[in-house]
C-alpha atoms as a PDB file:
ATOM      1  CA  UNK A   1     156.497  44.325-111.655  1.00  0.00           C
ATOM      2  CA  UNK A   2     158.207  47.332-110.877  1.00  0.00           C
ATOM      3  CA  UNK A   3     161.202  45.733-112.709  1.00  0.00           C
ATOM      4  CA  UNK A   4     159.331  45.039-115.587  1.00  0.00           C
ATOM      5  CA  UNK A   5     157.858  48.488-116.338  1.00  0.00           C
ATOM      6  CA  UNK A   6     161.224  50.342-115.854  1.00  0.00           C
ATOM      7  CA  UNK A   7     162.612  47.493-118.580  1.00  0.00           C
ATOM      8  CA  UNK A   8     159.923  48.444-120.920  1.00  0.00           C
ATOM      9  CA  UNK A   9     160.374  52.619-120.315  1.00  0.00           C
ATOM     10  CA  UNK A  10     163.966  51.706-120.976  1.00  0.00           C
ATOM     11  CA  UNK A  11     163.315  49.486-124.397  1.00  0.00           C
ATOM     12  CA  UNK A  12     160.515  52.939-124.946  1.00  0.00           C
ATOM     13  CA  UNK A  13     163.514  55.047-124.913  1.00  0.00           C
ATOM     14  CA  UNK A  14     166.030  52.781-126.598  1.00  0.00           C
ATOM     15  CA  UNK A  15     164.161  53.281-129.915  1.00  0.00           C
ATOM     16  CA  UNK A  16     163.485  56.493-129.774  1.00  0.00           C
ATOM     17  CA  UNK A  17     167.189  57.545-129.618  1.00  0.00           C
ATOM     18  CA  UNK A  18     167.488  55.090-132.241  1.00  0.00           C
ATOM     19  CA  UNK A  19     165.028  56.865-134.311  1.00  0.00           C
ATOM     20  CA  UNK A  20     166.198  60.000-133.020  1.00  0.00           C
ATOM     21  CA  UNK A  21     170.259  59.088-134.402  1.00  0.00           C
ATOM     22  CA  UNK A  22     169.092  57.621-137.660  1.00  0.00           C
ATOM     23  CA  UNK A  23     167.905  61.180-138.685  1.00  0.00           C
ATOM     24  CA  UNK A  24     170.707  62.856-137.545  1.00  0.00           C
ATOM     25  CA  UNK A  25     172.308  60.637-139.637  1.00  0.00           C
ATOM     26  CA  UNK A  26     170.779  61.178-142.306  1.00  0.00           C
ATOM     27  CA  UNK A  27     170.470  65.163-141.682  1.00  0.00           C
ATOM     28  CA  UNK A  28     174.534  64.294-141.619  1.00  0.00           C
ATOM     29  CA  UNK A  29     174.317  62.304-144.575  1.00  0.00           C
ATOM     30  CA  UNK A  30     172.232  65.188-146.913  1.00  0.00           C
ATOM     31  CA  UNK A  31     174.657  67.696-145.475  1.00  0.00           C
ATOM     32  CA  UNK A  32     177.656  65.853-146.264  1.00  0.00           C
ATOM     33  CA  UNK A  33     177.627  67.205-150.140  1.00  0.00           C
ATOM     34  CA  UNK A  34     175.872  69.583-151.093  1.00  0.00           C
ATOM     35  CA  UNK A  35     175.530  70.782-154.778  1.00  0.00           C
ATOM     36  CA  UNK A  36     176.092  74.561-155.245  1.00  0.00           C
ATOM     37  CA  UNK A  37     174.427  76.201-158.216  1.00  0.00           C
ATOM     38  CA  UNK A  38     177.693  78.116-159.483  1.00  0.00           C
ATOM     39  CA  UNK A  39     177.686  81.540-161.466  1.00  0.00           C
ATOM     40  CA  UNK A  40     178.775  79.737-164.689  1.00  0.00           C
ATOM     41  CA  UNK A  41     175.762  78.696-166.582  1.00  0.00           C
ATOM     42  CA  UNK A  42     174.663  75.279-166.396  1.00  0.00           C
ATOM     43  CA  UNK A  43     177.519  74.023-163.423  1.00  0.00           C
ATOM     44  CA  UNK A  44     177.240  72.829-160.177  1.00  0.00           C
ATOM     45  CA  UNK A  45     180.087  73.066-157.518  1.00  0.00           C
ATOM     46  CA  UNK A  46     180.270  69.730-154.743  1.00  0.00           C
ATOM     47  CA  UNK A  47     182.763  70.961-152.021  1.00  0.00           C
ATOM     48  CA  UNK A  48     183.792  67.976-149.732  1.00  0.00           C
ATOM     49  CA  UNK A  49     185.208  67.687-146.411  1.00  0.00           C
ATOM     50  CA  UNK A  50     185.031  64.666-143.724  1.00  0.00           C
ATOM     51  CA  UNK A  51     186.307  61.322-143.676  1.00  0.00           C
ATOM     52  CA  UNK A  52     185.570  59.285-146.752  1.00  0.00           C
ATOM     53  CA  UNK A  53     184.268  55.674-146.962  1.00  0.00           C
ATOM     54  CA  UNK A  54     182.804  53.587-149.594  1.00  0.00           C
ATOM     55  CA  UNK A  55     179.005  53.868-149.288  1.00  0.00           C
ATOM     56  CA  UNK A  56     179.768  57.608-147.760  1.00  0.00           C
ATOM     57  CA  UNK A  57     181.289  57.726-151.379  1.00  0.00           C
ATOM     58  CA  UNK A  58     178.611  56.027-153.036  1.00  0.00           C
ATOM     59  CA  UNK A  59     175.639  58.511-151.591  1.00  0.00           C
ATOM     60  CA  UNK A  60     178.003  61.249-152.885  1.00  0.00           C
ATOM     61  CA  UNK A  61     178.397  59.841-156.726  1.00  0.00           C
ATOM     62  CA  UNK A  62     174.721  59.253-156.240  1.00  0.00           C
ATOM     63  CA  UNK A  63     173.465  62.737-155.530  1.00  0.00           C
ATOM     64  CA  UNK A  64     175.882  63.859-158.205  1.00  0.00           C
ATOM     65  CA  UNK A  65     174.383  62.115-161.095  1.00  0.00           C
ATOM     66  CA  UNK A  66     170.679  63.172-159.843  1.00  0.00           C
ATOM     67  CA  UNK A  67     171.714  67.014-159.354  1.00  0.00           C
ATOM     68  CA  UNK A  68     173.427  66.766-162.977  1.00  0.00           C
ATOM     69  CA  UNK A  69     169.497  65.369-164.034  1.00  0.00           C
ATOM     70  CA  UNK A  70     167.420  68.494-162.209  1.00  0.00           C
ATOM     71  CA  UNK A  71     169.698  71.356-162.466  1.00  0.00           C
ATOM     72  CA  UNK A  72     170.810  70.218-166.469  1.00  0.00           C
ATOM     73  CA  UNK A  73     174.547  70.611-165.696  1.00  0.00           C
ATOM     74  CA  UNK A  74     176.916  70.077-168.076  1.00  0.00           C
ATOM     75  CA  UNK A  75     179.670  70.616-165.793  1.00  0.00           C
ATOM     76  CA  UNK A  76     180.325  69.725-161.749  1.00  0.00           C
ATOM     77  CA  UNK A  77     183.475  70.992-160.558  1.00  0.00           C
ATOM     78  CA  UNK A  78     184.318  68.759-157.092  1.00  0.00           C
ATOM     79  CA  UNK A  79     185.978  70.882-154.181  1.00  0.00           C
ATOM     80  CA  UNK A  80     188.942  68.275-152.568  1.00  0.00           C
ATOM     81  CA  UNK A  81     190.326  71.519-150.609  1.00  0.00           C
ATOM     82  CA  UNK A  82     188.170  69.979-146.822  1.00  0.00           C
ATOM     83  CA  UNK A  83     189.741  67.141-147.317  1.00  0.00           C
ATOM     84  CA  UNK A  84     192.949  65.979-145.590  1.00  0.00           C
ATOM     85  CA  UNK A  85     194.992  62.837-146.623  1.00  0.00           C
ATOM     86  CA  UNK A  86     193.834  60.781-143.453  1.00  0.00           C
ATOM     87  CA  UNK A  87     190.997  60.946-144.465  1.00  0.00           C
ATOM     88  CA  UNK A  88     191.161  58.568-147.003  1.00  0.00           C
ATOM     89  CA  UNK A  89     192.545  56.076-144.752  1.00  0.00           C
ATOM     90  CA  UNK A  90     188.810  54.256-144.419  1.00  0.00           C
ATOM     91  CA  UNK A  91     188.941  53.717-147.500  1.00  0.00           C
ATOM     92  CA  UNK A  92     192.177  53.674-149.502  1.00  0.00           C
ATOM     93  CA  UNK A  93     193.666  55.259-152.002  1.00  0.00           C
ATOM     94  CA  UNK A  94     192.942  52.509-154.757  1.00  0.00           C
ATOM     95  CA  UNK A  95     189.300  52.668-154.035  1.00  0.00           C
ATOM     96  CA  UNK A  96     189.217  56.185-153.856  1.00  0.00           C
ATOM     97  CA  UNK A  97     190.669  56.185-156.930  1.00  0.00           C
ATOM     98  CA  UNK A  98     188.424  53.732-159.000  1.00  0.00           C
ATOM     99  CA  UNK A  99     185.526  55.412-157.112  1.00  0.00           C
ATOM    100  CA  UNK A 100     186.393  59.081-158.988  1.00  0.00           C
ATOM    101  CA  UNK A 101     186.739  56.801-161.849  1.00  0.00           C
ATOM    102  CA  UNK A 102     183.404  55.635-161.983  1.00  0.00           C
ATOM    103  CA  UNK A 103     181.919  58.750-161.218  1.00  0.00           C
ATOM    104  CA  UNK A 104     184.083  60.441-164.002  1.00  0.00           C
ATOM    105  CA  UNK A 105     182.843  57.719-166.911  1.00  0.00           C
ATOM    106  CA  UNK A 106     179.120  58.212-165.745  1.00  0.00           C
ATOM    107  CA  UNK A 107     179.105  61.282-166.023  1.00  0.00           C
ATOM    108  CA  UNK A 108     180.726  60.967-169.179  1.00  0.00           C
ATOM    109  CA  UNK A 109     178.214  59.386-170.698  1.00  0.00           C
ATOM    110  CA  UNK A 110     175.914  61.559-169.874  1.00  0.00           C
ATOM    111  CA  UNK A 111     177.878  64.169-171.694  1.00  0.00           C
ATOM    112  CA  UNK A 112     178.702  66.238-168.047  1.00  0.00           C
ATOM    113  CA  UNK A 113     182.585  66.904-167.537  1.00  0.00           C
ATOM    114  CA  UNK A 114     183.881  66.508-164.193  1.00  0.00           C
ATOM    115  CA  UNK A 115     186.893  68.996-162.739  1.00  0.00           C
ATOM    116  CA  UNK A 116     188.567  68.331-159.708  1.00  0.00           C
ATOM    117  CA  UNK A 117     190.134  71.271-157.905  1.00  0.00           C
ATOM    118  CA  UNK A 118     192.158  71.234-154.304  1.00  0.00           C
ATOM    119  CA  UNK A 119     194.223  68.560-154.113  1.00  0.00           C
ATOM    120  CA  UNK A 120     196.800  68.924-151.255  1.00  0.00           C
ATOM    121  CA  UNK A 121     200.558  68.463-152.051  1.00  0.00           C
ATOM    122  CA  UNK A 122     200.345  65.701-149.293  1.00  0.00           C
ATOM    123  CA  UNK A 123     196.815  63.809-151.044  1.00  0.00           C
ATOM    124  CA  UNK A 124     198.622  64.042-154.520  1.00  0.00           C
ATOM    125  CA  UNK A 125     201.954  62.054-153.065  1.00  0.00           C
ATOM    126  CA  UNK A 126     199.419  59.713-152.089  1.00  0.00           C
ATOM    127  CA  UNK A 127     197.365  58.683-153.796  1.00  0.00           C
ATOM    128  CA  UNK A 128     200.549  58.963-156.562  1.00  0.00           C
ATOM    129  CA  UNK A 129     202.402  56.302-154.296  1.00  0.00           C
ATOM    130  CA  UNK A 130     199.440  54.382-153.586  1.00  0.00           C
ATOM    131  CA  UNK A 131     199.616  53.386-157.483  1.00  0.00           C
ATOM    132  CA  UNK A 132     196.364  53.333-157.856  1.00  0.00           C
ATOM    133  CA  UNK A 133     196.061  54.702-162.129  1.00  0.00           C
ATOM    134  CA  UNK A 134     195.044  57.971-161.054  1.00  0.00           C
ATOM    135  CA  UNK A 135     195.381  59.729-164.196  1.00  0.00           C
ATOM    136  CA  UNK A 136     193.458  60.808-166.508  1.00  0.00           C
ATOM    137  CA  UNK A 137     191.076  63.417-164.272  1.00  0.00           C
ATOM    138  CA  UNK A 138     191.280  67.233-165.313  1.00  0.00           C
ATOM    139  CA  UNK A 139     191.967  68.426-162.204  1.00  0.00           C
ATOM    140  CA  UNK A 140     193.820  72.262-160.509  1.00  0.00           C
ATOM    141  CA  UNK A 141     195.297  72.959-156.781  1.00  0.00           C
ATOM    142  CA  UNK A 142     192.937  75.151-156.481  1.00  0.00           C
ATOM    143  CA  UNK A 143     188.848  75.829-157.445  1.00  0.00           C
ATOM    144  CA  UNK A 144     189.991  79.670-158.293  1.00  0.00           C
ATOM    145  CA  UNK A 145     192.638  78.371-161.546  1.00  0.00           C
ATOM    146  CA  UNK A 146     189.729  75.773-161.984  1.00  0.00           C
ATOM    147  CA  UNK A 147     187.084  78.244-162.145  1.00  0.00           C
ATOM    148  CA  UNK A 148     189.611  80.313-164.748  1.00  0.00           C
ATOM    149  CA  UNK A 149     189.377  77.771-166.604  1.00  0.00           C
ATOM    150  CA  UNK A 150     186.211  76.906-166.951  1.00  0.00           C
ATOM    151  CA  UNK A 151     184.930  80.278-167.840  1.00  0.00           C
ATOM    152  CA  UNK A 152     187.757  80.349-170.676  1.00  0.00           C
ATOM    153  CA  UNK A 153     187.283  76.742-171.757  1.00  0.00           C
ATOM    154  CA  UNK A 154     182.915  78.320-172.160  1.00  0.00           C
ATOM    155  CA  UNK A 155     183.986  81.594-173.461  1.00  0.00           C
ATOM    156  CA  UNK A 156     183.558  83.878-170.540  1.00  0.00           C
ATOM    157  CA  UNK A 157     185.327  86.142-168.474  1.00  0.00           C
ATOM    158  CA  UNK A 158     184.398  88.077-165.053  1.00  0.00           C
ATOM    159  CA  UNK A 159     186.379  90.966-164.826  1.00  0.00           C
ATOM    160  CA  UNK A 160     185.692  94.227-162.584  1.00  0.00           C
ATOM    161  CA  UNK A 161     183.271  97.260-163.084  1.00  0.00           C
ATOM    162  CA  UNK A 162     184.654 100.391-163.256  1.00  0.00           C
ATOM    163  CA  UNK A 163     183.706 103.233-160.721  1.00  0.00           C
END
């Protein structure tokens, strides 16, 4: 009898731990691709970090498309500065390229421009060597250069205030 009670307690504890784990995984998923309103009107910034998987990138795509509608954005800046070229191995460079192309095309159909910033030299080298057809994307080496170009495109500028 005692062993049966212990087994039931362990099963209940196991179920509670599984539930907590699912909650934490959901929280991590939400935090993995924050949508940050930019100082540039109708623009959102999406800084990405960590390892890519097909599931994670699909989640990011869905989140970006939904956010664009919610905030009436006409531009999305996706910052890859926090992505290490080693973080791509689970997806593969060809698949990453296809996912980025699909996201860019979906946003283009919605009238939204996509700008990529922060490609590291190693990541670029790996993409080029994979013959993934990674081309035709508007990208800049740094967030600063991408923002500067976007401001110019929108007829805006940032300047220091005289003291």
